[in-house]
Amino acid sequence: MTARPESGVRWIALAGAYAVAALVVYRRALGGPFVSDDMGYLMSPWVRHIDAAAAAAILDPNGAPAAYTANYAPLHLLAHALLFGVFGEAVVAHHVANVLLHAVGTSALAALLARVGIPFAGAAFLGAVFLVHPANVEAVAWISQLKSVLGLALACAALLLEPRRPALAAAAFAAALLAKFQAAFALPVAAAALWLERPVRAGRGRRAVWLALWALLLAAVAVPQLAAFERLGHVEASAPEGLVARGRFALALLGRYLAMAMSSWGVSAFHEPEPPASWSDGWVLLGLAFAAAATARTTVALARRDGEAVFWIWTAAALLPVSQLLPFQYPLADRYLYFALPGLLGALGMAARRPLARALADPLRRLALAVSALVLLAGFALRSEARAAIWRSDLALARDAAAHYPGGIAAQQLRAREAAARGDVDEVVAALRAARARGFDRFEDLERDPRFAAFRSDPRFRAVVAEVAGSWIAAVAGRAELTAQERLVLGLAHRARGEWDQALARLGEAAADPGPTGAQARAELAATRAARLRAERD
């Protein structure tokens, strides 16, 4: 496809328009503080105190940062460290970085769509849908999801570079994997595009060799990534037992993702869907129908050597890592759609090429299509702008999650806080036990939250804190080797249960760490000794 002379200017203008539009849509999130997982990622000692030793630890596949975050994504942590080094605590800058990277990734996506034959206007429209889609708000507005916007932008760059700059493409693919492993979707996409390429370009064999290198890079990153993930163990509470039941659950999740992608219906902070009870569940049937239709469409497109197949493969490859084949807590999330949605948009765009070409030949139909497109973009943009506001506080996030999942962890935590405001300790305990039954194990939140300060000496509250701490202890009990950070938290968990000997032993082990974790452990060790003396006197 030969570019026209003005195409460069046109693409630069489109990228600028995307950036401005994204900043407008996300403006209500820009002043939001660090929330939820931001505290784990951005407050970690390796990010906040970056030096040669911290950088080496981040890059180490077996290092403490990979174990601490349960992910081997060194580029993600290094990017946060760079932003902290430049902007410090200015959260607006961290948010703006996410938003602008989202615009960059969207521009690369539009360029990919144009390269496979979708007209510029159509590619720009599909890119705009991705830019303002409500399902993407979580990935863009949540600061610690820098890994998602960075990973997708780099993966799209790799796909754009692959035909003419294979060495640069391989470097971009490696960087994408090191930002977020879900970027692995780019390998099957590139391989399918090469196989389907018509007319065949020169150097196809050389490009195949480079894609073999992509596969080696993927394997090299997959080993530490899986090892880091396995440290958390399989979260059986969030996935049904048995292969058949797990497959049914995966289909239900697919149905939910389809609804979110096509309409934004069902987007939420902190999803907690119940596993389907039978094959007649509506979400299972929707997922099954979509899987069958997509498989059939992919098969036909492959037989015709039609580029539409590439985008169905993109969608499937991006959803596979979050399909719950390896179960993990919170199996459904808006952000998991971020890598799959471009593939779905591309597939739909490719499928609509011929019908749209016929419709656009009629002026009235062309006007109707233009109005419909503007209405869709405006509706999505307004919904995204409203959802961006919930990323301004943990409380707003909890309320959004509770509204969608009234029996979930967030809802029970809100119930506990409201009961605490009334002074009802029994209701606080009941709500926290309900949250624990759903998988809540963040006992430190209960120790730090000022709303529970009045109950800290109440034996009923202390009992539920001990139970929640026990859940965390059980979660790490099977790990063969603990990091200094895990030993520190384990010591605090034993302290919360009044298990003084175990607490002092684990804190003592963590205190041997030469870095910031050791310093914190030594402070907690002194505090624990003092608390033990007070307990013995009482």
Protein backbone atom coordinates (compact mmCIF):
# COMPACT_ATOMS: atom_id res chain seq x y z
CA MET A 1 0.00 0.00 0.00
CA THR A 2 1.63 3.22 -1.17
CA ALA A 3 1.31 6.22 1.09
CA ARG A 4 0.37 9.54 -0.44
CA PRO A 5 2.66 12.56 0.17
CA GLU A 6 0.25 14.21 2.58
CA SER A 7 -0.31 11.03 4.59
CA GLY A 8 2.40 11.82 7.15
CA VAL A 9 0.82 15.16 8.00
CA ARG A 10 -2.58 13.55 8.13
CA TRP A 11 -1.43 10.89 10.60
CA ILE A 12 0.33 13.46 12.79
CA ALA A 13 -2.87 15.52 12.87
CA LEU A 14 -4.88 12.43 13.81
CA ALA A 15 -2.48 11.55 16.63
CA GLY A 16 -2.71 15.11 17.95
CA ALA A 17 -6.50 14.98 17.81
CA TYR A 18 -6.50 11.69 19.69
CA ALA A 19 -4.25 13.16 22.39
CA VAL A 20 -6.46 16.23 22.87
CA ALA A 21 -9.65 14.15 22.89
CA ALA A 22 -8.20 11.70 25.43
CA LEU A 23 -7.13 14.50 27.77
CA VAL A 24 -10.64 15.98 27.59
CA VAL A 25 -12.38 12.65 28.20
CA TYR A 26 -10.06 11.73 31.10
CA ARG A 27 -9.74 15.18 32.67
CA ARG A 28 -11.78 14.21 35.75
CA ALA A 29 -9.26 11.48 36.61
CA LEU A 30 -6.14 13.60 36.22
CA GLY A 31 -6.10 14.88 39.80
CA GLY A 32 -6.92 11.54 41.38
CA PRO A 33 -4.45 10.21 43.97
CA PHE A 34 -2.70 6.85 44.06
CA VAL A 35 -5.40 4.25 44.73
CA SER A 36 -5.66 0.51 45.35
CA ASP A 37 -2.80 -1.36 43.61
CA ASP A 38 -0.96 1.92 43.04
CA MET A 39 0.13 1.68 46.66
CA GLY A 40 1.82 -1.67 46.05
CA TYR A 41 3.49 -0.83 42.75
CA LEU A 42 4.33 2.84 43.13
CA MET A 43 5.19 2.81 46.82
CA SER A 44 7.58 -0.13 46.49
CA PRO A 45 11.17 0.61 47.56
CA TRP A 46 12.56 -0.27 44.12
CA VAL A 47 10.41 2.33 42.37
CA ARG A 48 10.63 5.10 44.96
CA HIS A 49 14.37 4.78 45.57
CA ILE A 50 15.77 3.81 42.18
CA ASP A 51 19.52 3.34 41.94
CA ALA A 52 21.81 0.81 40.29
CA ALA A 53 21.00 -1.86 42.88
CA ALA A 54 17.25 -1.29 42.60
CA ALA A 55 17.41 -1.35 38.79
CA ALA A 56 19.36 -4.62 38.91
CA ALA A 57 16.77 -6.12 41.26
CA ILE A 58 13.95 -5.02 38.93
CA LEU A 59 15.67 -6.60 35.91
CA ASP A 60 16.46 -9.83 37.77
CA PRO A 61 13.92 -12.53 36.73
CA ASN A 62 14.35 -14.10 40.17
CA GLY A 63 14.53 -10.83 42.06
CA ALA A 64 12.35 -9.58 44.88
CA PRO A 65 10.34 -7.12 42.70
CA ALA A 66 9.06 -9.93 40.47
CA ALA A 67 8.06 -11.97 43.51
CA TYR A 68 6.52 -8.96 45.25
CA THR A 69 4.33 -7.98 42.29
CA ALA A 70 3.69 -11.57 41.10
CA ASN A 71 4.72 -10.39 37.63
CA TYR A 72 7.97 -10.19 35.73
CA ALA A 73 7.39 -6.80 34.10
CA PRO A 74 10.64 -4.85 34.64
CA LEU A 75 9.89 -2.19 32.03
CA HIS A 76 6.68 -1.37 33.89
CA LEU A 77 8.51 -0.75 37.17
CA LEU A 78 11.37 1.11 35.47
CA ALA A 79 8.87 3.38 33.70
CA HIS A 80 7.25 4.22 37.05
CA ALA A 81 10.69 4.86 38.54
CA LEU A 82 11.52 7.21 35.66
CA LEU A 83 8.27 9.13 36.11
CA PHE A 84 8.91 9.41 39.84
CA GLY A 85 12.41 10.65 39.17
CA VAL A 86 11.10 13.38 36.88
CA PHE A 87 7.74 14.31 38.42
CA GLY A 88 7.89 12.99 41.99
CA GLU A 89 4.50 12.93 43.74
CA ALA A 90 2.73 15.07 41.09
CA VAL A 91 -0.07 12.63 40.34
CA VAL A 92 -1.34 14.73 37.44
CA ALA A 93 1.86 14.00 35.53
CA HIS A 94 1.52 10.26 36.15
CA HIS A 95 -2.08 10.34 34.91
CA VAL A 96 -1.18 12.43 31.86
CA ALA A 97 1.57 9.94 30.95
CA ASN A 98 -1.02 7.13 30.88
CA VAL A 99 -3.47 9.19 28.83
CA LEU A 100 -0.89 10.25 26.24
CA LEU A 101 0.43 6.69 25.90
CA HIS A 102 -3.17 5.58 25.34
CA ALA A 103 -3.40 8.12 22.50
CA VAL A 104 -0.10 6.87 21.06
CA GLY A 105 -1.28 3.26 21.13
CA THR A 106 -4.58 4.28 19.53
CA SER A 107 -2.73 6.07 16.73
CA ALA A 108 -0.62 2.97 16.09
CA LEU A 109 -3.78 0.86 16.02
CA ALA A 110 -5.39 3.16 13.44
CA ALA A 111 -2.24 2.95 11.33
CA LEU A 112 -2.37 -0.85 11.46
CA LEU A 113 -6.01 -0.83 10.36
CA ALA A 114 -5.22 1.46 7.45
CA ARG A 115 -2.32 -0.73 6.40
CA VAL A 116 -4.57 -3.76 5.94
CA GLY A 117 -6.88 -1.85 3.60
CA ILE A 118 -9.42 -0.05 5.76
CA PRO A 119 -9.83 3.51 4.39
CA PHE A 120 -8.31 6.31 6.45
CA ALA A 121 -11.71 7.57 7.65
CA GLY A 122 -12.73 4.09 8.77
CA ALA A 123 -9.41 3.44 10.51
CA ALA A 124 -9.60 6.82 12.25
CA PHE A 125 -13.16 6.08 13.39
CA LEU A 126 -12.29 2.64 14.77
CA GLY A 127 -9.30 4.16 16.54
CA ALA A 128 -11.57 6.81 18.02
CA VAL A 129 -13.95 4.11 19.29
CA PHE A 130 -11.02 2.46 21.05
CA LEU A 131 -9.80 5.83 22.38
CA VAL A 132 -13.07 6.69 24.15
CA HIS A 133 -14.40 3.18 24.89
CA PRO A 134 -15.66 2.97 28.51
CA ALA A 135 -14.09 -0.46 29.05
CA ASN A 136 -10.66 1.18 28.68
CA VAL A 137 -11.14 3.69 31.50
CA GLU A 138 -9.67 1.38 34.13
CA ALA A 139 -6.50 0.73 32.09
CA VAL A 140 -5.97 4.43 31.37
CA ALA A 141 -7.15 6.16 34.56
CA TRP A 142 -5.48 3.75 37.01
CA ILE A 143 -1.89 4.94 37.35
CA SER A 144 -0.38 1.52 37.98
CA GLN A 145 -1.94 0.29 34.72
CA LEU A 146 0.83 2.15 32.91
CA LYS A 147 1.89 -1.39 32.03
CA SER A 148 -1.23 -1.88 29.89
CA VAL A 149 -1.05 1.32 27.84
CA LEU A 150 2.73 0.97 27.45
CA GLY A 151 2.51 -2.71 26.53
CA LEU A 152 -0.17 -2.18 23.88
CA ALA A 153 1.59 0.83 22.34
CA LEU A 154 4.83 -1.16 22.05
CA ALA A 155 3.05 -4.25 20.67
CA CYS A 156 1.33 -2.17 17.98
CA ALA A 157 4.66 -0.52 17.18
CA ALA A 158 6.22 -3.96 16.76
CA LEU A 159 3.47 -4.98 14.33
CA LEU A 160 3.88 -1.75 12.35
CA LEU A 161 7.66 -2.15 12.14
CA GLU A 162 7.77 -5.88 11.41
CA PRO A 163 7.44 -5.83 7.57
CA ARG A 164 10.27 -3.33 6.92
CA ARG A 165 12.26 -3.03 10.16
CA PRO A 166 12.32 -6.55 11.66
CA ALA A 167 15.17 -5.85 14.08
CA LEU A 168 13.42 -2.81 15.54
CA ALA A 169 10.18 -4.77 15.60
CA ALA A 170 11.80 -7.55 17.65
CA ALA A 171 13.13 -4.97 20.12
CA ALA A 172 9.68 -3.38 20.42
CA PHE A 173 8.07 -6.81 20.96
CA ALA A 174 10.58 -7.66 23.69
CA ALA A 175 9.91 -4.32 25.37
CA ALA A 176 6.14 -4.91 25.15
CA LEU A 177 6.50 -8.29 26.87
CA LEU A 178 8.60 -6.69 29.60
CA ALA A 179 5.87 -4.12 30.16
CA LYS A 180 2.96 -6.60 30.27
CA PHE A 181 2.98 -10.23 29.25
CA GLN A 182 -0.46 -9.99 27.62
CA ALA A 183 1.39 -8.26 24.75
CA ALA A 184 2.32 -11.80 23.65
CA PHE A 185 -0.73 -11.60 21.36
CA ALA A 186 1.48 -9.77 18.83
CA LEU A 187 3.42 -12.93 17.90
CA PRO A 188 0.50 -14.99 16.51
CA VAL A 189 -0.85 -11.82 14.88
CA ALA A 190 2.45 -11.14 13.10
CA ALA A 191 2.81 -14.79 12.09
CA ALA A 192 -0.73 -14.91 10.68
CA ALA A 193 -0.22 -11.64 8.81
CA LEU A 194 2.97 -12.96 7.25
CA TRP A 195 1.32 -16.20 6.18
CA LEU A 196 -1.69 -14.40 4.67
CA GLU A 197 0.33 -11.66 2.97
CA ARG A 198 -0.81 -11.00 -0.60
CA PRO A 199 1.06 -10.02 -2.68
CA VAL A 200 4.06 -11.68 -1.11
CA ARG A 201 6.80 -9.16 -0.31
CA ALA A 202 10.48 -9.75 -0.75
CA GLY A 203 12.39 -11.00 2.27
CA ARG A 204 9.59 -13.18 3.60
CA GLY A 205 12.00 -15.90 4.71
CA ARG A 206 14.13 -13.38 6.59
CA ARG A 207 11.04 -12.06 8.34
CA ALA A 208 10.08 -15.61 9.35
CA VAL A 209 13.49 -15.99 10.97
CA TRP A 210 12.93 -12.79 12.92
CA LEU A 211 9.53 -14.05 14.06
CA ALA A 212 11.27 -17.19 15.29
CA LEU A 213 13.35 -14.84 17.43
CA TRP A 214 10.09 -13.33 18.72
CA ALA A 215 9.08 -16.83 19.81
CA LEU A 216 12.37 -17.28 21.66
CA LEU A 217 11.90 -13.91 23.37
CA LEU A 218 8.40 -14.93 24.37
CA ALA A 219 9.67 -18.19 25.88
CA ALA A 220 12.46 -16.37 27.71
CA VAL A 221 10.01 -13.94 29.34
CA ALA A 222 7.33 -16.57 29.95
CA VAL A 223 9.53 -18.62 32.30
CA PRO A 224 10.06 -15.92 34.97
CA GLN A 225 6.55 -14.56 34.39
CA LEU A 226 4.94 -17.93 35.14
CA ALA A 227 7.26 -18.46 38.11
CA ALA A 228 6.26 -15.07 39.54
CA PHE A 229 2.59 -15.77 38.92
CA GLU A 230 2.78 -19.19 40.53
CA ARG A 231 4.06 -17.62 43.76
CA LEU A 232 0.50 -16.55 44.42
CA GLY A 233 -0.79 -20.05 43.82
CA HIS A 234 -4.04 -20.87 42.09
CA VAL A 235 -6.99 -19.06 43.62
CA GLU A 236 -9.46 -21.89 43.67
CA ALA A 237 -12.11 -19.74 45.36
CA SER A 238 -12.48 -17.73 42.15
CA ALA A 239 -12.73 -20.67 39.74
CA PRO A 240 -14.92 -23.77 39.80
CA GLU A 241 -13.44 -27.20 40.30
CA GLY A 242 -13.15 -29.50 37.33
CA LEU A 243 -12.22 -28.92 33.72
CA VAL A 244 -15.82 -28.84 32.46
CA ALA A 245 -16.97 -26.34 35.07
CA ARG A 246 -13.89 -24.21 34.45
CA GLY A 247 -14.58 -24.23 30.72
CA ARG A 248 -18.16 -23.15 31.37
CA PHE A 249 -16.86 -20.32 33.54
CA ALA A 250 -14.48 -19.23 30.76
CA LEU A 251 -17.39 -19.07 28.31
CA ALA A 252 -19.40 -16.96 30.77
CA LEU A 253 -16.47 -14.56 31.08
CA LEU A 254 -16.24 -14.41 27.29
CA GLY A 255 -19.93 -13.50 27.13
CA ARG A 256 -19.42 -10.72 29.64
CA TYR A 257 -16.42 -9.37 27.73
CA LEU A 258 -18.44 -9.35 24.52
CA ALA A 259 -21.21 -7.32 26.18
CA MET A 260 -18.65 -4.88 27.56
CA ALA A 261 -16.92 -4.54 24.19
CA MET A 262 -20.04 -4.05 22.10
CA SER A 263 -22.03 -1.79 24.41
CA SER A 264 -19.93 -1.01 27.54
CA TRP A 265 -22.70 -2.73 29.51
CA GLY A 266 -21.31 -4.30 32.67
CA VAL A 267 -18.12 -2.27 33.09
CA SER A 268 -17.25 -2.00 36.78
CA ALA A 269 -14.47 -1.53 39.26
CA PHE A 270 -13.38 -4.81 40.86
CA HIS A 271 -15.65 -7.38 39.23
CA GLU A 272 -16.69 -10.41 41.30
CA PRO A 273 -18.94 -12.53 39.07
CA GLU A 274 -20.35 -15.76 40.40
CA PRO A 275 -19.45 -18.89 38.40
CA PRO A 276 -22.39 -20.05 36.27
CA ALA A 277 -24.45 -22.83 37.79
CA SER A 278 -25.42 -24.50 34.50
CA TRP A 279 -24.93 -24.51 30.75
CA SER A 280 -28.22 -22.65 30.36
CA ASP A 281 -26.76 -19.55 32.02
CA GLY A 282 -27.22 -16.57 29.70
CA TRP A 283 -23.58 -15.52 29.83
CA VAL A 284 -22.44 -19.05 28.99
CA LEU A 285 -24.78 -19.21 25.99
CA LEU A 286 -23.63 -15.80 24.77
CA GLY A 287 -19.99 -16.78 25.15
CA LEU A 288 -20.58 -20.10 23.41
CA ALA A 289 -22.39 -18.43 20.51
CA PHE A 290 -19.66 -15.84 20.11
CA ALA A 291 -16.88 -18.44 20.30
CA ALA A 292 -18.61 -20.55 17.63
CA ALA A 293 -19.27 -17.57 15.34
CA ALA A 294 -15.75 -16.19 15.72
CA THR A 295 -14.21 -19.60 15.07
CA ALA A 296 -16.31 -20.06 11.95
CA ARG A 297 -15.50 -16.58 10.72
CA THR A 298 -11.78 -17.12 11.34
CA THR A 299 -11.83 -20.45 9.52
CA VAL A 300 -13.54 -18.95 6.47
CA ALA A 301 -11.21 -15.96 6.45
CA LEU A 302 -8.14 -18.19 6.67
CA ALA A 303 -9.43 -20.33 3.80
CA ARG A 304 -9.90 -17.18 1.70
CA ARG A 305 -6.57 -15.80 2.90
CA ASP A 306 -8.44 -12.73 4.07
CA GLY A 307 -6.72 -10.36 6.52
CA GLU A 308 -9.85 -10.35 8.69
CA ALA A 309 -8.54 -13.60 10.20
CA VAL A 310 -5.57 -11.74 11.67
CA PHE A 311 -7.84 -9.68 13.90
CA TRP A 312 -9.88 -12.64 15.12
CA ILE A 313 -6.58 -14.29 16.03
CA TRP A 314 -5.58 -11.04 17.79
CA THR A 315 -8.78 -11.14 19.87
CA ALA A 316 -8.36 -14.78 20.87
CA ALA A 317 -4.65 -14.47 21.67
CA ALA A 318 -5.26 -11.41 23.87
CA LEU A 319 -8.06 -13.10 25.82
CA LEU A 320 -6.30 -16.44 26.32
CA PRO A 321 -4.03 -15.30 29.22
CA VAL A 322 -7.06 -14.05 31.19
CA SER A 323 -9.37 -16.96 30.34
CA GLN A 324 -8.92 -18.55 33.79
CA LEU A 325 -7.13 -21.60 32.44
CA LEU A 326 -4.75 -20.63 35.25
CA PRO A 327 -7.17 -19.22 37.84
CA PHE A 328 -6.43 -16.03 39.71
CA GLN A 329 -8.35 -13.73 42.01
CA TYR A 330 -10.68 -11.24 40.33
CA PRO A 331 -11.04 -13.26 37.10
CA LEU A 332 -12.92 -10.49 35.30
CA ALA A 333 -11.69 -6.91 34.86
CA ASP A 334 -12.31 -4.05 32.47
CA ARG A 335 -8.55 -3.72 31.90
CA TYR A 336 -8.25 -7.27 30.58
CA LEU A 337 -10.24 -6.19 27.54
CA TYR A 338 -7.68 -3.50 26.69
CA PHE A 339 -5.50 -5.83 24.58
CA ALA A 340 -8.42 -7.74 23.01
CA LEU A 341 -10.68 -4.84 22.04
CA PRO A 342 -8.41 -3.62 19.18
CA GLY A 343 -8.56 -7.08 17.62
CA LEU A 344 -12.35 -7.18 17.84
CA LEU A 345 -12.67 -3.69 16.36
CA GLY A 346 -10.30 -4.64 13.54
CA ALA A 347 -12.24 -7.85 12.82
CA LEU A 348 -15.54 -5.99 12.68
CA GLY A 349 -14.00 -3.27 10.53
CA MET A 350 -12.60 -5.79 8.07
CA ALA A 351 -15.90 -7.70 7.95
CA ALA A 352 -17.81 -4.47 7.20
CA ARG A 353 -15.57 -3.28 4.34
CA ARG A 354 -17.77 -4.39 1.43
CA PRO A 355 -21.21 -3.63 2.97
CA LEU A 356 -19.94 -0.18 3.98
CA ALA A 357 -18.53 0.50 0.55
CA ARG A 358 -21.96 -0.16 -0.97
CA ALA A 359 -23.74 1.93 1.67
CA LEU A 360 -21.37 4.87 1.26
CA ALA A 361 -22.23 5.08 -2.44
CA ASP A 362 -25.68 6.40 -1.42
CA PRO A 363 -25.57 10.00 -0.06
CA LEU A 364 -28.47 9.46 2.35
CA ARG A 365 -26.97 6.28 3.76
CA ARG A 366 -23.60 7.99 4.02
CA LEU A 367 -25.17 10.77 6.07
CA ALA A 368 -26.97 8.26 8.30
CA LEU A 369 -23.75 6.37 8.90
CA ALA A 370 -21.88 9.57 9.76
CA VAL A 371 -24.57 10.61 12.25
CA SER A 372 -24.63 7.13 13.80
CA ALA A 373 -20.84 7.15 14.15
CA LEU A 374 -20.88 10.54 15.87
CA VAL A 375 -23.67 9.44 18.23
CA LEU A 376 -21.74 6.29 19.16
CA LEU A 377 -18.52 8.22 19.81
CA ALA A 378 -20.34 10.89 21.82
CA GLY A 379 -22.15 8.28 23.92
CA PHE A 380 -18.97 6.36 24.66
CA ALA A 381 -17.04 9.56 25.39
CA LEU A 382 -19.64 10.82 27.86
CA ARG A 383 -19.78 7.46 29.64
CA SER A 384 -15.98 7.29 29.82
CA GLU A 385 -15.81 10.85 31.14
CA ALA A 386 -18.25 9.93 33.91
CA ARG A 387 -16.37 6.72 34.76
CA ALA A 388 -13.03 8.52 34.83
CA ALA A 389 -14.29 10.39 37.90
CA ILE A 390 -14.48 7.23 40.02
CA TRP A 391 -10.67 6.96 39.88
CA ARG A 392 -10.39 10.01 42.12
CA SER A 393 -10.69 8.01 45.37
CA ASP A 394 -10.75 4.52 46.83
CA LEU A 395 -14.19 5.25 48.23
CA ALA A 396 -15.62 6.05 44.79
CA LEU A 397 -14.12 2.83 43.43
CA ALA A 398 -15.59 0.81 46.29
CA ARG A 399 -19.02 2.34 45.77
CA ASP A 400 -18.92 1.56 42.05
CA ALA A 401 -17.91 -2.05 42.73
CA ALA A 402 -20.56 -2.40 45.44
CA ALA A 403 -23.26 -1.08 43.10
CA HIS A 404 -22.47 -3.78 40.57
CA TYR A 405 -21.68 -6.61 43.02
CA PRO A 406 -23.69 -6.04 46.24
CA GLY A 407 -22.32 -9.21 47.86
CA GLY A 408 -18.70 -8.67 46.91
CA ILE A 409 -15.63 -7.72 48.92
CA ALA A 410 -15.95 -4.00 48.21
CA ALA A 411 -19.60 -4.00 49.25
CA GLN A 412 -18.80 -5.80 52.51
CA GLN A 413 -15.98 -3.38 53.25
CA LEU A 414 -18.34 -0.45 52.75
CA ARG A 415 -20.86 -2.16 55.01
CA ALA A 416 -18.16 -2.55 57.68
CA ARG A 417 -17.15 1.11 57.45
CA GLU A 418 -20.75 2.30 57.67
CA ALA A 419 -21.30 0.07 60.70
CA ALA A 420 -18.13 1.47 62.26
CA ALA A 421 -19.51 4.99 61.86
CA ARG A 422 -22.59 3.86 63.83
CA GLY A 423 -20.44 2.15 66.45
CA ASP A 424 -21.94 -1.27 65.67
CA VAL A 425 -19.03 -3.64 66.22
CA ASP A 426 -21.11 -6.79 65.63
CA GLU A 427 -22.12 -5.55 62.17
CA VAL A 428 -18.48 -4.60 61.46
CA VAL A 429 -17.36 -8.11 62.33
CA ALA A 430 -20.14 -9.75 60.28
CA ALA A 431 -19.29 -7.67 57.21
CA LEU A 432 -15.57 -8.36 57.48
CA ARG A 433 -16.17 -12.08 57.88
CA ALA A 434 -18.33 -11.99 54.74
CA ALA A 435 -15.50 -10.21 52.91
CA ARG A 436 -13.01 -12.80 54.15
CA ALA A 437 -15.24 -15.58 52.84
CA ARG A 438 -14.95 -13.93 49.40
CA GLY A 439 -11.13 -13.90 49.59
CA PHE A 440 -10.29 -10.69 51.50
CA ASP A 441 -6.96 -11.07 53.31
CA ARG A 442 -5.65 -7.50 53.67
CA PHE A 443 -5.42 -7.47 57.43
CA GLU A 444 -3.12 -4.46 57.32
CA ASP A 445 -6.01 -2.34 56.03
CA LEU A 446 -7.92 -3.17 59.20
CA GLU A 447 -4.93 -2.24 61.35
CA ARG A 448 -4.40 1.10 59.59
CA ASP A 449 -7.91 2.29 58.73
CA PRO A 450 -8.80 5.11 61.17
CA ARG A 451 -12.48 4.23 60.88
CA PHE A 452 -11.82 1.08 62.91
CA ALA A 453 -9.65 2.77 65.54
CA ALA A 454 -12.38 2.68 68.19
CA PHE A 455 -12.64 -1.11 67.92
CA ARG A 456 -8.99 -2.09 67.92
CA SER A 457 -9.07 -3.27 71.54
CA ASP A 458 -12.45 -5.00 71.22
CA PRO A 459 -11.94 -8.79 71.36
CA ARG A 460 -14.59 -9.33 68.68
CA PHE A 461 -12.76 -7.06 66.24
CA ARG A 462 -9.38 -8.51 67.21
CA ALA A 463 -10.76 -11.98 66.47
CA VAL A 464 -11.79 -11.06 62.91
CA VAL A 465 -8.46 -9.34 62.30
CA ALA A 466 -6.76 -12.55 63.40
CA GLU A 467 -8.93 -14.54 61.00
CA VAL A 468 -8.11 -12.26 58.06
CA ALA A 469 -4.41 -12.37 58.96
CA GLY A 470 -4.69 -16.15 59.12
CA SER A 471 -5.98 -16.15 55.54
CA TRP A 472 -2.83 -14.31 54.42
CA ILE A 473 -0.60 -16.70 56.38
CA ALA A 474 -2.32 -19.66 54.72
CA ALA A 475 -1.86 -18.07 51.30
CA VAL A 476 1.94 -17.94 51.65
CA ALA A 477 2.36 -21.15 53.64
CA GLY A 478 3.12 -23.26 50.59
CA ARG A 479 5.82 -21.05 49.12
CA ALA A 480 9.21 -22.71 49.16
CA GLU A 481 11.14 -19.47 49.53
CA LEU A 482 9.97 -16.11 50.83
CA THR A 483 11.23 -12.67 49.87
CA ALA A 484 12.18 -10.14 52.53
CA GLN A 485 8.94 -8.26 51.86
CA GLU A 486 6.88 -11.42 52.30
CA ARG A 487 8.69 -12.23 55.55
CA LEU A 488 7.94 -8.71 56.76
CA VAL A 489 4.21 -9.01 56.02
CA LEU A 490 4.16 -12.54 57.44
CA GLY A 491 5.64 -11.20 60.66
CA LEU A 492 2.97 -8.50 60.82
CA ALA A 493 0.28 -11.13 60.22
CA HIS A 494 1.53 -13.22 63.14
CA ARG A 495 1.68 -10.07 65.27
CA ALA A 496 -1.95 -9.32 64.41
CA ARG A 497 -2.82 -12.78 65.74
CA GLY A 498 -0.78 -12.32 68.93
CA GLU A 499 1.65 -15.04 67.83
CA TRP A 500 4.69 -13.26 69.21
CA ASP A 501 7.40 -15.85 68.69
CA GLN A 502 6.52 -16.39 65.03
CA ALA A 503 6.17 -12.63 64.49
CA LEU A 504 9.61 -11.89 65.96
CA ALA A 505 11.20 -14.73 64.00
CA ARG A 506 9.80 -13.59 60.62
CA LEU A 507 10.53 -9.91 61.28
CA GLY A 508 14.03 -10.82 62.34
CA GLU A 509 14.58 -12.62 59.05
CA ALA A 510 13.25 -9.64 57.09
CA ALA A 511 15.43 -7.26 59.11
CA ALA A 512 18.54 -8.90 57.62
CA ASP A 513 17.68 -7.41 54.22
CA PRO A 514 20.14 -4.61 53.45
CA GLY A 515 17.60 -2.44 51.61
CA PRO A 516 14.53 -0.40 52.57
CA THR A 517 12.54 -3.52 53.44
CA GLY A 518 15.11 -4.43 56.09
CA ALA A 519 14.93 -0.94 57.57
CA GLN A 520 11.15 -1.17 57.81
CA ALA A 521 11.39 -4.65 59.31
CA ARG A 522 13.81 -3.44 62.00
CA ALA A 523 11.36 -0.70 62.97
CA GLU A 524 8.50 -3.20 63.11
CA LEU A 525 10.66 -5.60 65.09
CA ALA A 526 11.18 -2.97 67.79
CA ALA A 527 7.46 -2.12 67.78
CA THR A 528 6.56 -5.82 68.09
CA ARG A 529 8.85 -6.33 71.08
CA ALA A 530 7.24 -3.35 72.78
CA ALA A 531 3.74 -4.63 71.95
CA ARG A 532 4.60 -8.03 73.39
CA LEU A 533 5.77 -6.48 76.65
CA ARG A 534 2.53 -4.48 76.92
CA ALA A 535 0.47 -7.60 76.21
CA GLU A 536 2.32 -9.58 78.89
CA ARG A 537 1.85 -6.79 81.45
CA ASP A 538 -1.86 -6.64 80.67
